[in-house]
Amino acid sequence: MTEQSFYDKIKALGATDETTVKFSWEEGCDVFHYNETHVETALGETGAAYVLAEAITDQFSAFYGKGNSVLDEMREDGLLDEYERGDEAFTDFVAEVIGESFYDYDWIEQSTQRFDHKRGWTDLSMELSAPLGHFKEEFYNSNPLPSWTCQVRDGNGNLVTLGA
C-alpha cells in the first residue's frame, strides 16, 4: 500500500485547490521581563526570526515566490535594499531584518506570562497561509514546512490539524 502524499491527504478531506492551508509555529522560553528584553531573549532562544526567514526564503519552501506577503512587505518598505544579490546568504539577511524590525511588523506574535516581578515565559508564534493548489506540484509528496503545524478546513467546514 502506497502512503498518501501531503497534497492527497488534504484533498481526501474534501478540500479544493482554492482551500486555504494554514501553517503555524509556536515556541517559547523562560525570560526575565523586568529589564524589558524578554522578547529579544525569546527571539534568540527560539530562533523564531530564522525559522520564519527559512520558511519564506528557501527555494524548496511552499512560500518562496508565491504571493509571499512577508517578503513583499519587506521589499515595499525597502528592508531588502541593502542585500547584495549573489551573496548566497539571503536567508540569514532576512532573519536579521526580521529580528531588527520585529516591533514594526506583525510577522511574529508575542505574549508574555509574568510569574512574578521579574520572571516569566514568552511565547512567539507565526502563521503562513496559502491555497492548497500551491502545494500541488513542487510539494506534492511531503509537508512543505515539516516543523510547523498544518491546519485546513475539510469539506464539512471542520478544522483538521495535520501533524507537525
Protein backbone atom coordinates (compact mmCIF):
# COMPACT_ATOMS: atom_id res chain seq x y z
CA MET A 1 0.00 0.00 0.00
CA THR A 2 1.39 3.37 -1.04
CA GLU A 3 1.44 6.19 1.52
CA GLN A 4 -0.70 9.18 0.55
CA SER A 5 1.11 12.37 -0.39
CA PHE A 6 0.72 15.56 1.61
CA TYR A 7 -1.44 17.02 -1.15
CA ASP A 8 -3.58 13.88 -1.42
CA LYS A 9 -4.16 13.73 2.35
CA ILE A 10 -5.61 17.23 2.28
CA LYS A 11 -7.62 16.57 -0.90
CA ALA A 12 -9.08 13.45 0.78
CA LEU A 13 -10.57 15.75 3.43
CA GLY A 14 -12.75 17.34 0.75
CA ALA A 15 -10.52 20.38 0.23
CA THR A 16 -10.18 22.02 -3.18
CA ASP A 17 -7.12 23.69 -4.69
CA GLU A 18 -8.61 27.01 -3.51
CA THR A 19 -8.89 25.86 0.12
CA THR A 20 -6.58 27.82 2.43
CA VAL A 21 -3.93 25.76 4.16
CA LYS A 22 -2.61 27.41 7.33
CA PHE A 23 0.77 26.63 8.83
CA SER A 24 1.54 27.77 12.36
CA TRP A 25 4.63 27.68 14.53
CA GLU A 26 4.91 28.43 18.23
CA GLU A 27 7.70 28.20 20.75
CA GLY A 28 8.56 29.91 24.00
CA CYS A 29 11.13 30.18 26.74
CA ASP A 30 11.76 31.36 30.28
CA VAL A 31 12.61 35.06 30.41
CA PHE A 32 13.37 37.93 32.74
CA HIS A 33 10.85 40.63 31.87
CA TYR A 34 11.85 43.31 34.40
CA ASN A 35 14.51 44.71 32.06
CA GLU A 36 12.17 44.75 29.02
CA THR A 37 14.45 42.46 26.96
CA HIS A 38 12.20 39.41 27.23
CA VAL A 39 11.07 39.48 23.59
CA GLU A 40 14.63 39.80 22.30
CA THR A 41 15.61 36.93 24.61
CA ALA A 42 12.79 34.78 23.24
CA LEU A 43 13.77 35.62 19.65
CA GLY A 44 17.31 34.49 20.37
CA GLU A 45 16.40 31.39 22.38
CA THR A 46 13.77 30.09 19.97
CA GLY A 47 15.40 31.11 16.69
CA ALA A 48 11.99 32.39 15.53
CA ALA A 49 13.41 35.01 13.16
CA TYR A 50 15.46 32.37 11.37
CA VAL A 51 12.58 29.86 11.34
CA LEU A 52 10.39 32.43 9.59
CA ALA A 53 13.18 33.55 7.26
CA GLU A 54 13.86 29.97 6.24
CA ALA A 55 10.16 29.31 5.58
CA ILE A 56 9.85 32.30 3.27
CA THR A 57 13.24 32.31 1.51
CA ASP A 58 14.18 28.69 0.97
CA GLN A 59 13.55 27.86 -2.68
CA PHE A 60 12.19 24.50 -1.52
CA SER A 61 9.62 26.19 0.74
CA ALA A 62 6.00 26.39 -0.34
CA PHE A 63 6.02 30.10 0.44
CA TYR A 64 9.00 31.08 -1.66
CA GLY A 65 7.86 33.26 -4.56
CA LYS A 66 4.14 32.50 -4.26
CA GLY A 67 2.44 35.64 -3.02
CA ASN A 68 4.77 35.79 -0.03
CA SER A 69 3.27 38.66 1.97
CA VAL A 70 6.23 38.95 4.37
CA LEU A 71 8.85 39.28 1.62
CA ASP A 72 6.51 41.53 -0.38
CA GLU A 73 6.14 43.84 2.62
CA MET A 74 9.91 43.85 3.18
CA ARG A 75 10.52 44.78 -0.44
CA GLU A 76 7.84 47.50 -0.44
CA ASP A 77 9.30 49.06 2.72
CA GLY A 78 12.89 48.94 1.42
CA LEU A 79 14.05 46.47 4.06
CA LEU A 80 15.80 44.28 1.49
CA ASP A 81 17.51 47.09 -0.43
CA GLU A 82 20.90 46.50 1.21
CA TYR A 83 21.07 42.83 0.24
CA GLU A 84 23.67 42.18 -2.43
CA ARG A 85 22.37 39.61 -4.90
CA GLY A 86 24.58 36.61 -5.34
CA ASP A 87 25.75 36.82 -1.74
CA GLU A 88 24.09 33.41 -1.13
CA ALA A 89 23.15 34.44 2.41
CA PHE A 90 19.62 35.67 1.70
CA THR A 91 18.00 33.64 4.48
CA ASP A 92 20.49 34.98 7.04
CA PHE A 93 19.94 38.53 5.79
CA VAL A 94 16.15 38.19 6.01
CA ALA A 95 16.43 36.68 9.52
CA GLU A 96 18.46 39.69 10.59
CA VAL A 97 15.87 42.07 9.09
CA ILE A 98 13.07 40.21 10.90
CA GLY A 99 14.97 40.42 14.19
CA GLU A 100 15.66 44.13 13.77
CA SER A 101 12.15 45.01 12.55
CA PHE A 102 10.21 42.77 14.93
CA TYR A 103 8.31 45.53 16.69
CA ASP A 104 7.32 47.37 13.50
CA TYR A 105 5.53 44.45 11.79
CA ASP A 106 3.06 41.67 12.60
CA TRP A 107 5.14 38.81 11.28
CA ILE A 108 5.71 37.24 14.71
CA GLU A 109 3.21 37.49 17.55
CA GLN A 110 4.41 37.52 21.14
CA SER A 111 2.83 37.10 24.53
CA THR A 112 4.39 37.04 27.97
CA GLN A 113 3.09 35.40 31.10
CA ARG A 114 4.59 37.09 34.17
CA PHE A 115 5.24 34.76 37.09
CA ASP A 116 6.45 37.45 39.48
CA HIS A 117 8.08 40.87 39.36
CA LYS A 118 10.95 39.69 37.17
CA ARG A 119 10.49 36.16 35.81
CA GLY A 120 8.11 34.89 33.14
CA TRP A 121 7.54 32.94 29.95
CA THR A 122 7.40 34.47 26.47
CA ASP A 123 5.70 32.65 23.59
CA LEU A 124 6.39 33.58 19.98
CA SER A 125 4.10 32.41 17.20
CA MET A 126 3.59 32.94 13.49
CA GLU A 127 1.33 31.81 10.69
CA LEU A 128 1.66 31.45 6.95
CA SER A 129 -1.23 30.55 4.65
CA ALA A 130 -1.61 29.60 1.02
CA PRO A 131 -4.19 27.89 -1.19
CA LEU A 132 -3.80 24.11 -1.41
CA GLY A 133 -3.09 24.46 -5.14
CA HIS A 134 0.32 25.96 -4.27
CA PHE A 135 1.34 22.57 -2.90
CA LYS A 136 0.12 20.57 -5.86
CA GLU A 137 3.34 20.20 -7.82
CA GLU A 138 6.51 21.19 -6.00
CA PHE A 139 5.46 19.87 -2.61
CA TYR A 140 3.26 17.01 -3.67
CA ASN A 141 4.91 14.31 -1.57
CA SER A 142 5.77 15.99 1.72
CA ASN A 143 4.68 18.65 4.17
CA PRO A 144 6.43 21.79 2.90
CA LEU A 145 7.06 23.04 6.46
CA PRO A 146 7.60 19.88 8.48
CA SER A 147 8.35 21.65 11.79
CA TRP A 148 5.13 23.66 11.56
CA THR A 149 1.57 22.56 12.34
CA CYS A 150 -0.72 22.42 9.31
CA GLN A 151 -4.46 23.13 9.56
CA VAL A 152 -7.12 23.01 6.88
CA ARG A 153 -10.91 23.01 6.78
CA ASP A 154 -12.40 19.78 5.47
CA GLY A 155 -15.36 19.57 3.10
CA ASN A 156 -17.75 20.00 6.07
CA GLY A 157 -16.01 23.12 7.40
CA ASN A 158 -14.33 21.32 10.31
CA LEU A 159 -10.79 22.41 11.16
CA VAL A 160 -8.38 19.46 10.77
CA THR A 161 -4.83 19.54 12.11
CA LEU A 162 -2.14 17.58 10.32
CA GLY A 163 0.95 16.70 12.36
CA ALA A 164 3.95 18.90 12.62
